[in-house]
């Protein structure tokens, strides 16, 4: 599920209108609609505002948003699994260095 699909699902579950959420975020309805449809990528500040407007955990929404950005970045590559395995190894190294 993409970030846009995820936030649309949350908004609809809470029975909130697009314009209500957009107003709480101080953005126009068209921009939020584009984010939900995946034709526009939300900025980090907008994701944080969405968390407040939807009364959702900020870190959970940021994780879905970041995962979606990563998928978008590598979706056209030939060796996606290999790339993700390398990323995983690098993250392990970073985690071990920070301990």
PDB file of N, CA and C in Angstrom:
ATOM      1  N   UNK A   1       0.847  -1.177   0.000  1.00  0.00           N
ATOM      2  CA  UNK A   1       0.000   0.000   0.000  1.00  0.00           C
ATOM      3  C   UNK A   1       0.895   1.243   0.000  1.00  0.00           C
ATOM      4  N   UNK A   2       0.619   2.159  -0.898  1.00  0.00           N
ATOM      5  CA  UNK A   2       1.405   3.385  -0.974  1.00  0.00           C
ATOM      6  C   UNK A   2       1.035   4.325   0.170  1.00  0.00           C
ATOM      7  N   UNK A   3       1.866   5.338   0.358  1.00  0.00           N
ATOM      8  CA  UNK A   3       1.587   6.329   1.390  1.00  0.00           C
ATOM      9  C   UNK A   3       0.238   7.002   1.134  1.00  0.00           C
ATOM     10  N   UNK A   4      -0.008   7.384  -0.109  1.00  0.00           N
ATOM     11  CA  UNK A   4      -1.272   8.034  -0.450  1.00  0.00           C
ATOM     12  C   UNK A   4      -2.476   7.155  -0.167  1.00  0.00           C
ATOM     13  N   UNK A   5      -2.375   5.888  -0.541  1.00  0.00           N
ATOM     14  CA  UNK A   5      -3.467   4.944  -0.263  1.00  0.00           C
ATOM     15  C   UNK A   5      -3.667   4.787   1.240  1.00  0.00           C
ATOM     16  N   UNK A   6      -2.560   4.769   1.961  1.00  0.00           N
ATOM     17  CA  UNK A   6      -2.618   4.603   3.416  1.00  0.00           C
ATOM     18  C   UNK A   6      -3.341   5.777   4.078  1.00  0.00           C
ATOM     19  N   UNK A   7      -2.974   6.995   3.698  1.00  0.00           N
ATOM     20  CA  UNK A   7      -3.622   8.140   4.351  1.00  0.00           C
ATOM     21  C   UNK A   7      -5.079   8.294   3.910  1.00  0.00           C
ATOM     22  N   UNK A   8      -5.380   7.929   2.669  1.00  0.00           N
ATOM     23  CA  UNK A   8      -6.777   7.971   2.234  1.00  0.00           C
ATOM     24  C   UNK A   8      -7.614   6.986   3.051  1.00  0.00           C
ATOM     25  N   UNK A   9      -7.070   5.792   3.264  1.00  0.00           N
ATOM     26  CA  UNK A   9      -7.768   4.779   4.054  1.00  0.00           C
ATOM     27  C   UNK A   9      -8.006   5.284   5.478  1.00  0.00           C
ATOM     28  N   UNK A  10      -6.984   5.870   6.084  1.00  0.00           N
ATOM     29  CA  UNK A  10      -7.131   6.405   7.443  1.00  0.00           C
ATOM     30  C   UNK A  10      -8.185   7.509   7.485  1.00  0.00           C
ATOM     31  N   UNK A  11      -8.124   8.412   6.507  1.00  0.00           N
ATOM     32  CA  UNK A  11      -9.081   9.524   6.463  1.00  0.00           C
ATOM     33  C   UNK A  11     -10.507   9.022   6.309  1.00  0.00           C
ATOM     34  N   UNK A  12     -10.700   8.054   5.418  1.00  0.00           N
ATOM     35  CA  UNK A  12     -12.038   7.517   5.189  1.00  0.00           C
ATOM     36  C   UNK A  12     -12.541   6.728   6.391  1.00  0.00           C
ATOM     37  N   UNK A  13     -11.647   5.995   7.068  1.00  0.00           N
ATOM     38  CA  UNK A  13     -12.049   5.268   8.276  1.00  0.00           C
ATOM     39  C   UNK A  13     -12.543   6.224   9.356  1.00  0.00           C
ATOM     40  N   UNK A  14     -11.956   7.402   9.399  1.00  0.00           N
ATOM     41  CA  UNK A  14     -12.340   8.404  10.393  1.00  0.00           C
ATOM     42  C   UNK A  14     -13.494   9.283   9.895  1.00  0.00           C
ATOM     43  N   UNK A  15     -13.967   8.974   8.692  1.00  0.00           N
ATOM     44  CA  UNK A  15     -15.071   9.695   8.058  1.00  0.00           C
ATOM     45  C   UNK A  15     -14.806  11.204   7.982  1.00  0.00           C
ATOM     46  N   UNK A  16     -13.583  11.525   7.583  1.00  0.00           N
ATOM     47  CA  UNK A  16     -13.194  12.922   7.414  1.00  0.00           C
ATOM     48  C   UNK A  16     -13.176  13.263   5.930  1.00  0.00           C
ATOM     49  N   UNK A  17     -13.641  14.438   5.612  1.00  0.00           N
ATOM     50  CA  UNK A  17     -13.613  14.906   4.233  1.00  0.00           C
ATOM     51  C   UNK A  17     -12.218  15.412   3.881  1.00  0.00           C
ATOM     52  N   UNK A  18     -11.895  15.317   2.616  1.00  0.00           N
ATOM     53  CA  UNK A  18     -10.608  15.793   2.122  1.00  0.00           C
ATOM     54  C   UNK A  18     -10.397  17.255   2.521  1.00  0.00           C
ATOM     55  N   UNK A  19     -11.415  18.070   2.346  1.00  0.00           N
ATOM     56  CA  UNK A  19     -11.282  19.496   2.648  1.00  0.00           C
ATOM     57  C   UNK A  19     -11.096  19.765   4.134  1.00  0.00           C
ATOM     58  N   UNK A  20     -11.655  18.896   4.993  1.00  0.00           N
ATOM     59  CA  UNK A  20     -11.476  19.063   6.440  1.00  0.00           C
ATOM     60  C   UNK A  20     -10.017  18.834   6.831  1.00  0.00           C
ATOM     61  N   UNK A  21      -9.452  17.759   6.314  1.00  0.00           N
ATOM     62  CA  UNK A  21      -8.061  17.426   6.639  1.00  0.00           C
ATOM     63  C   UNK A  21      -7.124  18.469   6.034  1.00  0.00           C
ATOM     64  N   UNK A  22      -7.366  18.848   4.799  1.00  0.00           N
ATOM     65  CA  UNK A  22      -6.528  19.858   4.143  1.00  0.00           C
ATOM     66  C   UNK A  22      -6.556  21.170   4.925  1.00  0.00           C
ATOM     67  N   UNK A  23      -7.721  21.554   5.397  1.00  0.00           N
ATOM     68  CA  UNK A  23      -7.853  22.785   6.174  1.00  0.00           C
ATOM     69  C   UNK A  23      -7.044  22.714   7.466  1.00  0.00           C
ATOM     70  N   UNK A  24      -7.099  21.575   8.145  1.00  0.00           N
ATOM     71  CA  UNK A  24      -6.325  21.406   9.383  1.00  0.00           C
ATOM     72  C   UNK A  24      -4.826  21.457   9.111  1.00  0.00           C
ATOM     73  N   UNK A  25      -4.429  21.036   7.913  1.00  0.00           N
ATOM     74  CA  UNK A  25      -3.010  21.030   7.533  1.00  0.00           C
ATOM     75  C   UNK A  25      -2.556  22.371   6.956  1.00  0.00           C
ATOM     76  N   UNK A  26      -3.501  23.273   6.696  1.00  0.00           N
ATOM     77  CA  UNK A  26      -3.224  24.574   6.082  1.00  0.00           C
ATOM     78  C   UNK A  26      -2.667  24.427   4.665  1.00  0.00           C
ATOM     79  N   UNK A  27      -3.242  23.465   3.916  1.00  0.00           N
ATOM     80  CA  UNK A  27      -2.918  23.309   2.498  1.00  0.00           C
ATOM     81  C   UNK A  27      -4.233  23.263   1.733  1.00  0.00           C
ATOM     82  N   UNK A  28      -4.174  23.406   0.422  1.00  0.00           N
ATOM     83  CA  UNK A  28      -5.431  23.343  -0.320  1.00  0.00           C
ATOM     84  C   UNK A  28      -5.832  21.892  -0.587  1.00  0.00           C
ATOM     85  N   UNK A  29      -7.116  21.726  -0.821  1.00  0.00           N
ATOM     86  CA  UNK A  29      -7.693  20.399  -1.023  1.00  0.00           C
ATOM     87  C   UNK A  29      -7.060  19.692  -2.219  1.00  0.00           C
ATOM     88  N   UNK A  30      -6.772  20.434  -3.270  1.00  0.00           N
ATOM     89  CA  UNK A  30      -6.182  19.835  -4.475  1.00  0.00           C
ATOM     90  C   UNK A  30      -4.828  19.196  -4.174  1.00  0.00           C
ATOM     91  N   UNK A  31      -4.026  19.836  -3.344  1.00  0.00           N
ATOM     92  CA  UNK A  31      -2.714  19.286  -3.004  1.00  0.00           C
ATOM     93  C   UNK A  31      -2.859  17.985  -2.222  1.00  0.00           C
ATOM     94  N   UNK A  32      -3.752  17.963  -1.243  1.00  0.00           N
ATOM     95  CA  UNK A  32      -3.960  16.735  -0.474  1.00  0.00           C
ATOM     96  C   UNK A  32      -4.492  15.626  -1.375  1.00  0.00           C
ATOM     97  N   UNK A  33      -5.366  15.970  -2.295  1.00  0.00           N
ATOM     98  CA  UNK A  33      -5.889  14.990  -3.244  1.00  0.00           C
ATOM     99  C   UNK A  33      -4.756  14.393  -4.081  1.00  0.00           C
ATOM    100  N   UNK A  34      -3.841  15.230  -4.531  1.00  0.00           N
ATOM    101  CA  UNK A  34      -2.698  14.749  -5.321  1.00  0.00           C
ATOM    102  C   UNK A  34      -1.796  13.842  -4.490  1.00  0.00           C
ATOM    103  N   UNK A  35      -1.612  14.171  -3.224  1.00  0.00           N
ATOM    104  CA  UNK A  35      -0.802  13.329  -2.338  1.00  0.00           C
ATOM    105  C   UNK A  35      -1.470  11.970  -2.178  1.00  0.00           C
ATOM    106  N   UNK A  36      -2.775  11.964  -1.963  1.00  0.00           N
ATOM    107  CA  UNK A  36      -3.498  10.698  -1.811  1.00  0.00           C
ATOM    108  C   UNK A  36      -3.445   9.853  -3.080  1.00  0.00           C
ATOM    109  N   UNK A  37      -3.494  10.500  -4.241  1.00  0.00           N
ATOM    110  CA  UNK A  37      -3.460   9.764  -5.511  1.00  0.00           C
ATOM    111  C   UNK A  37      -2.052   9.393  -5.945  1.00  0.00           C
ATOM    112  N   UNK A  38      -1.052   9.916  -5.244  1.00  0.00           N
ATOM    113  CA  UNK A  38       0.326   9.584  -5.566  1.00  0.00           C
ATOM    114  C   UNK A  38       0.920  10.393  -6.701  1.00  0.00           C
ATOM    115  N   UNK A  39       0.252  11.466  -7.105  1.00  0.00           N
ATOM    116  CA  UNK A  39       0.796  12.303  -8.173  1.00  0.00           C
ATOM    117  C   UNK A  39       1.667  13.426  -7.615  1.00  0.00           C
ATOM    118  N   UNK A  40       1.690  13.551  -6.315  1.00  0.00           N
ATOM    119  CA  UNK A  40       2.542  14.537  -5.628  1.00  0.00           C
ATOM    120  C   UNK A  40       3.110  13.882  -4.382  1.00  0.00           C
ATOM    121  N   UNK A  41       4.385  14.088  -4.123  1.00  0.00           N
ATOM    122  CA  UNK A  41       5.021  13.516  -2.938  1.00  0.00           C
ATOM    123  C   UNK A  41       4.930  14.525  -1.802  1.00  0.00           C
ATOM    124  N   UNK A  42       4.442  14.065  -0.665  1.00  0.00           N
ATOM    125  CA  UNK A  42       4.329  14.938   0.503  1.00  0.00           C
ATOM    126  C   UNK A  42       5.713  15.270   1.043  1.00  0.00           C
ATOM    127  N   UNK A  43       5.846  16.471   1.587  1.00  0.00           N
ATOM    128  CA  UNK A  43       7.065  16.839   2.302  1.00  0.00           C
ATOM    129  C   UNK A  43       6.949  16.331   3.740  1.00  0.00           C
ATOM    130  N   UNK A  44       8.082  16.210   4.406  1.00  0.00           N
ATOM    131  CA  UNK A  44       8.099  15.695   5.773  1.00  0.00           C
ATOM    132  C   UNK A  44       7.179  16.515   6.682  1.00  0.00           C
ATOM    133  N   UNK A  45       7.200  17.831   6.533  1.00  0.00           N
ATOM    134  CA  UNK A  45       6.353  18.699   7.358  1.00  0.00           C
ATOM    135  C   UNK A  45       4.871  18.406   7.116  1.00  0.00           C
ATOM    136  N   UNK A  46       4.530  18.072   5.881  1.00  0.00           N
ATOM    137  CA  UNK A  46       3.142  17.751   5.559  1.00  0.00           C
ATOM    138  C   UNK A  46       2.736  16.420   6.175  1.00  0.00           C
ATOM    139  N   UNK A  47       3.659  15.465   6.214  1.00  0.00           N
ATOM    140  CA  UNK A  47       3.374  14.174   6.845  1.00  0.00           C
ATOM    141  C   UNK A  47       3.131  14.381   8.337  1.00  0.00           C
ATOM    142  N   UNK A  48       3.941  15.220   8.955  1.00  0.00           N
ATOM    143  CA  UNK A  48       3.764  15.516  10.377  1.00  0.00           C
ATOM    144  C   UNK A  48       2.424  16.207  10.626  1.00  0.00           C
ATOM    145  N   UNK A  49       2.040  17.117   9.738  1.00  0.00           N
ATOM    146  CA  UNK A  49       0.744  17.787   9.856  1.00  0.00           C
ATOM    147  C   UNK A  49      -0.400  16.799   9.648  1.00  0.00           C
ATOM    148  N   UNK A  50      -0.209  15.853   8.743  1.00  0.00           N
ATOM    149  CA  UNK A  50      -1.215  14.807   8.520  1.00  0.00           C
ATOM    150  C   UNK A  50      -1.416  13.965   9.773  1.00  0.00           C
ATOM    151  N   UNK A  51      -0.321  13.641  10.446  1.00  0.00           N
ATOM    152  CA  UNK A  51      -0.410  12.845  11.673  1.00  0.00           C
ATOM    153  C   UNK A  51      -1.282  13.555  12.700  1.00  0.00           C
ATOM    154  N   UNK A  52      -1.113  14.857  12.814  1.00  0.00           N
ATOM    155  CA  UNK A  52      -1.927  15.631  13.758  1.00  0.00           C
ATOM    156  C   UNK A  52      -3.376  15.665  13.291  1.00  0.00           C
ATOM    157  N   UNK A  53      -3.592  15.979  12.014  1.00  0.00           N
ATOM    158  CA  UNK A  53      -4.952  16.098  11.477  1.00  0.00           C
ATOM    159  C   UNK A  53      -5.720  14.784  11.559  1.00  0.00           C
ATOM    160  N   UNK A  54      -5.014  13.666  11.373  1.00  0.00           N
ATOM    161  CA  UNK A  54      -5.664  12.348  11.398  1.00  0.00           C
ATOM    162  C   UNK A  54      -5.587  11.684  12.771  1.00  0.00           C
ATOM    163  N   UNK A  55      -4.926  12.362  13.725  1.00  0.00           N
ATOM    164  CA  UNK A  55      -4.744  11.822  15.071  1.00  0.00           C
ATOM    165  C   UNK A  55      -4.072  10.447  15.018  1.00  0.00           C
ATOM    166  N   UNK A  56      -2.975  10.392  14.271  1.00  0.00           N
ATOM    167  CA  UNK A  56      -2.214   9.156  14.092  1.00  0.00           C
ATOM    168  C   UNK A  56      -0.803   9.350  14.628  1.00  0.00           C
ATOM    169  N   UNK A  57      -0.127   8.252  14.890  1.00  0.00           N
ATOM    170  CA  UNK A  57       1.247   8.291  15.368  1.00  0.00           C
ATOM    171  C   UNK A  57       2.159   8.856  14.277  1.00  0.00           C
ATOM    172  N   UNK A  58       2.877   9.917  14.617  1.00  0.00           N
ATOM    173  CA  UNK A  58       3.744  10.588  13.642  1.00  0.00           C
ATOM    174  C   UNK A  58       4.806   9.643  13.081  1.00  0.00           C
ATOM    175  N   UNK A  59       5.450   8.870  13.948  1.00  0.00           N
ATOM    176  CA  UNK A  59       6.509   7.972  13.481  1.00  0.00           C
ATOM    177  C   UNK A  59       5.975   6.895  12.548  1.00  0.00           C
ATOM    178  N   UNK A  60       4.777   6.387  12.832  1.00  0.00           N
ATOM    179  CA  UNK A  60       4.184   5.380  11.948  1.00  0.00           C
ATOM    180  C   UNK A  60       3.960   5.949  10.548  1.00  0.00           C
ATOM    181  N   UNK A  61       3.404   7.160  10.486  1.00  0.00           N
ATOM    182  CA  UNK A  61       3.164   7.777   9.173  1.00  0.00           C
ATOM    183  C   UNK A  61       4.480   8.099   8.466  1.00  0.00           C
ATOM    184  N   UNK A  62       5.460   8.577   9.213  1.00  0.00           N
ATOM    185  CA  UNK A  62       6.761   8.872   8.607  1.00  0.00           C
ATOM    186  C   UNK A  62       7.416   7.609   8.057  1.00  0.00           C
ATOM    187  N   UNK A  63       7.249   6.488   8.744  1.00  0.00           N
ATOM    188  CA  UNK A  63       7.815   5.223   8.257  1.00  0.00           C
ATOM    189  C   UNK A  63       7.179   4.797   6.942  1.00  0.00           C
ATOM    190  N   UNK A  64       5.853   4.904   6.848  1.00  0.00           N
ATOM    191  CA  UNK A  64       5.154   4.541   5.607  1.00  0.00           C
ATOM    192  C   UNK A  64       5.578   5.484   4.483  1.00  0.00           C
ATOM    193  N   UNK A  65       5.686   6.768   4.801  1.00  0.00           N
ATOM    194  CA  UNK A  65       6.098   7.783   3.823  1.00  0.00           C
ATOM    195  C   UNK A  65       7.506   7.506   3.304  1.00  0.00           C
ATOM    196  N   UNK A  66       8.440   7.225   4.224  1.00  0.00           N
ATOM    197  CA  UNK A  66       9.828   6.973   3.823  1.00  0.00           C
ATOM    198  C   UNK A  66       9.940   5.686   3.004  1.00  0.00           C
ATOM    199  N   UNK A  67       9.222   4.645   3.422  1.00  0.00           N
ATOM    200  CA  UNK A  67       9.239   3.386   2.666  1.00  0.00           C
ATOM    201  C   UNK A  67       8.739   3.619   1.239  1.00  0.00           C
ATOM    202  N   UNK A  68       7.701   4.423   1.107  1.00  0.00           N
ATOM    203  CA  UNK A  68       7.153   4.735  -0.216  1.00  0.00           C
ATOM    204  C   UNK A  68       8.177   5.493  -1.063  1.00  0.00           C
ATOM    205  N   UNK A  69       8.899   6.417  -0.442  1.00  0.00           N
ATOM    206  CA  UNK A  69       9.933   7.165  -1.165  1.00  0.00           C
ATOM    207  C   UNK A  69      11.049   6.235  -1.643  1.00  0.00           C
ATOM    208  N   UNK A  70      11.436   5.277  -0.805  1.00  0.00           N
ATOM    209  CA  UNK A  70      12.498   4.340  -1.176  1.00  0.00           C
ATOM    210  C   UNK A  70      12.043   3.463  -2.340  1.00  0.00           C
ATOM    211  N   UNK A  71      10.821   2.955  -2.253  1.00  0.00           N
ATOM    212  CA  UNK A  71      10.280   2.130  -3.340  1.00  0.00           C
ATOM    213  C   UNK A  71      10.268   2.929  -4.641  1.00  0.00           C
ATOM    214  N   UNK A  72       9.837   4.173  -4.571  1.00  0.00           N
ATOM    215  CA  UNK A  72       9.784   5.011  -5.765  1.00  0.00           C
ATOM    216  C   UNK A  72      11.180   5.215  -6.357  1.00  0.00           C
ATOM    217  N   UNK A  73      12.176   5.301  -5.493  1.00  0.00           N
ATOM    218  CA  UNK A  73      13.548   5.534  -5.938  1.00  0.00           C
ATOM    219  C   UNK A  73      14.139   4.314  -6.653  1.00  0.00           C
ATOM    220  N   UNK A  74      13.778   3.103  -6.226  1.00  0.00           N
ATOM    221  CA  UNK A  74      14.431   1.907  -6.782  1.00  0.00           C
ATOM    222  C   UNK A  74      13.522   1.041  -7.650  1.00  0.00           C
ATOM    223  N   UNK A  75      12.292   1.444  -7.844  1.00  0.00           N
ATOM    224  CA  UNK A  75      11.312   0.587  -8.528  1.00  0.00           C
ATOM    225  C   UNK A  75      11.707   0.183  -9.947  1.00  0.00           C
ATOM    226  N   UNK A  76      12.492   0.993 -10.617  1.00  0.00           N
ATOM    227  CA  UNK A  76      12.866   0.693 -12.000  1.00  0.00           C
ATOM    228  C   UNK A  76      14.225   0.003 -12.126  1.00  0.00           C
ATOM    229  N   UNK A  77      14.839  -0.302 -11.013  1.00  0.00           N
ATOM    230  CA  UNK A  77      16.147  -0.958 -11.032  1.00  0.00           C
ATOM    231  C   UNK A  77      15.987  -2.455 -11.274  1.00  0.00           C
ATOM    232  N   UNK A  78      17.019  -3.086 -11.795  1.00  0.00           N
ATOM    233  CA  UNK A  78      16.966  -4.513 -12.114  1.00  0.00           C
ATOM    234  C   UNK A  78      17.148  -5.416 -10.908  1.00  0.00           C
ATOM    235  N   UNK A  79      17.926  -4.987  -9.937  1.00  0.00           N
ATOM    236  CA  UNK A  79      18.263  -5.861  -8.809  1.00  0.00           C
ATOM    237  C   UNK A  79      17.779  -5.271  -7.484  1.00  0.00           C
ATOM    238  N   UNK A  80      16.485  -5.103  -7.372  1.00  0.00           N
ATOM    239  CA  UNK A  80      15.884  -4.475  -6.196  1.00  0.00           C
ATOM    240  C   UNK A  80      16.235  -5.226  -4.916  1.00  0.00           C
ATOM    241  N   UNK A  81      16.121  -6.546  -4.931  1.00  0.00           N
ATOM    242  CA  UNK A  81      16.397  -7.332  -3.727  1.00  0.00           C
ATOM    243  C   UNK A  81      17.845  -7.162  -3.293  1.00  0.00           C
ATOM    244  N   UNK A  82      18.759  -7.192  -4.242  1.00  0.00           N
ATOM    245  CA  UNK A  82      20.180  -7.010  -3.922  1.00  0.00           C
ATOM    246  C   UNK A  82      20.431  -5.624  -3.328  1.00  0.00           C
ATOM    247  N   UNK A  83      19.806  -4.621  -3.901  1.00  0.00           N
ATOM    248  CA  UNK A  83      19.951  -3.253  -3.389  1.00  0.00           C
ATOM    249  C   UNK A  83      19.460  -3.179  -1.950  1.00  0.00           C
ATOM    250  N   UNK A  84      18.286  -3.736  -1.690  1.00  0.00           N
ATOM    251  CA  UNK A  84      17.731  -3.686  -0.338  1.00  0.00           C
ATOM    252  C   UNK A  84      18.573  -4.482   0.652  1.00  0.00           C
ATOM    253  N   UNK A  85      19.153  -5.583   0.209  1.00  0.00           N
ATOM    254  CA  UNK A  85      20.050  -6.346   1.085  1.00  0.00           C
ATOM    255  C   UNK A  85      21.290  -5.533   1.446  1.00  0.00           C
ATOM    256  N   UNK A  86      21.834  -4.805   0.485  1.00  0.00           N
ATOM    257  CA  UNK A  86      22.983  -3.940   0.760  1.00  0.00           C
ATOM    258  C   UNK A  86      22.612  -2.825   1.731  1.00  0.00           C
ATOM    259  N   UNK A  87      21.446  -2.263   1.544  1.00  0.00           N
ATOM    260  CA  UNK A  87      20.967  -1.228   2.462  1.00  0.00           C
ATOM    261  C   UNK A  87      20.847  -1.800   3.872  1.00  0.00           C
ATOM    262  N   UNK A  88      20.286  -2.991   3.972  1.00  0.00           N
ATOM    263  CA  UNK A  88      20.127  -3.644   5.273  1.00  0.00           C
ATOM    264  C   UNK A  88      21.482  -3.852   5.949  1.00  0.00           C
ATOM    265  N   UNK A  89      22.470  -4.302   5.185  1.00  0.00           N
ATOM    266  CA  UNK A  89      23.821  -4.494   5.728  1.00  0.00           C
ATOM    267  C   UNK A  89      24.409  -3.171   6.214  1.00  0.00           C
ATOM    268  N   UNK A  90      24.243  -2.131   5.423  1.00  0.00           N
ATOM    269  CA  UNK A  90      24.765  -0.816   5.808  1.00  0.00           C
ATOM    270  C   UNK A  90      24.087  -0.286   7.063  1.00  0.00           C
ATOM    271  N   UNK A  91      22.805  -0.534   7.190  1.00  0.00           N
ATOM    272  CA  UNK A  91      22.084  -0.095   8.385  1.00  0.00           C
ATOM    273  C   UNK A  91      22.581  -0.852   9.610  1.00  0.00           C
ATOM    274  N   UNK A  92      22.842  -2.142   9.455  1.00  0.00           N
ATOM    275  CA  UNK A  92      23.398  -2.928  10.569  1.00  0.00           C
ATOM    276  C   UNK A  92      24.734  -2.350  11.017  1.00  0.00           C
ATOM    277  N   UNK A  93      25.582  -1.991  10.050  1.00  0.00           N
ATOM    278  CA  UNK A  93      26.882  -1.399  10.378  1.00  0.00           C
ATOM    279  C   UNK A  93      26.704  -0.081  11.128  1.00  0.00           C
ATOM    280  N   UNK A  94      25.792   0.749  10.649  1.00  0.00           N
ATOM    281  CA  UNK A  94      25.531   2.026  11.317  1.00  0.00           C
ATOM    282  C   UNK A  94      25.022   1.815  12.737  1.00  0.00           C
ATOM    283  N   UNK A  95      24.132   0.861  12.896  1.00  0.00           N
ATOM    284  CA  UNK A  95      23.565   0.569  14.211  1.00  0.00           C
ATOM    285  C   UNK A  95      24.653   0.094  15.165  1.00  0.00           C
ATOM    286  N   UNK A  96      25.545  -0.763  14.676  1.00  0.00           N
ATOM    287  CA  UNK A  96      26.637  -1.269  15.509  1.00  0.00           C
ATOM    288  C   UNK A  96      27.618  -0.160  15.882  1.00  0.00           C
ATOM    289  N   UNK A  97      27.843   0.782  14.986  1.00  0.00           N
ATOM    290  CA  UNK A  97      28.744   1.906  15.266  1.00  0.00           C
ATOM    291  C   UNK A  97      28.168   2.833  16.330  1.00  0.00           C
ATOM    292  N   UNK A  98      26.848   2.947  16.359  1.00  0.00           N
ATOM    293  CA  UNK A  98      26.193   3.861  17.296  1.00  0.00           C
ATOM    294  C   UNK A  98      25.992   3.262  18.679  1.00  0.00           C
ATOM    295  N   UNK A  99      26.323   1.997  18.847  1.00  0.00           N
ATOM    296  CA  UNK A  99      26.126   1.350  20.154  1.00  0.00           C
ATOM    297  C   UNK A  99      27.316   1.542  21.049  1.00  0.00           C
TER     298      UNK A  99
END
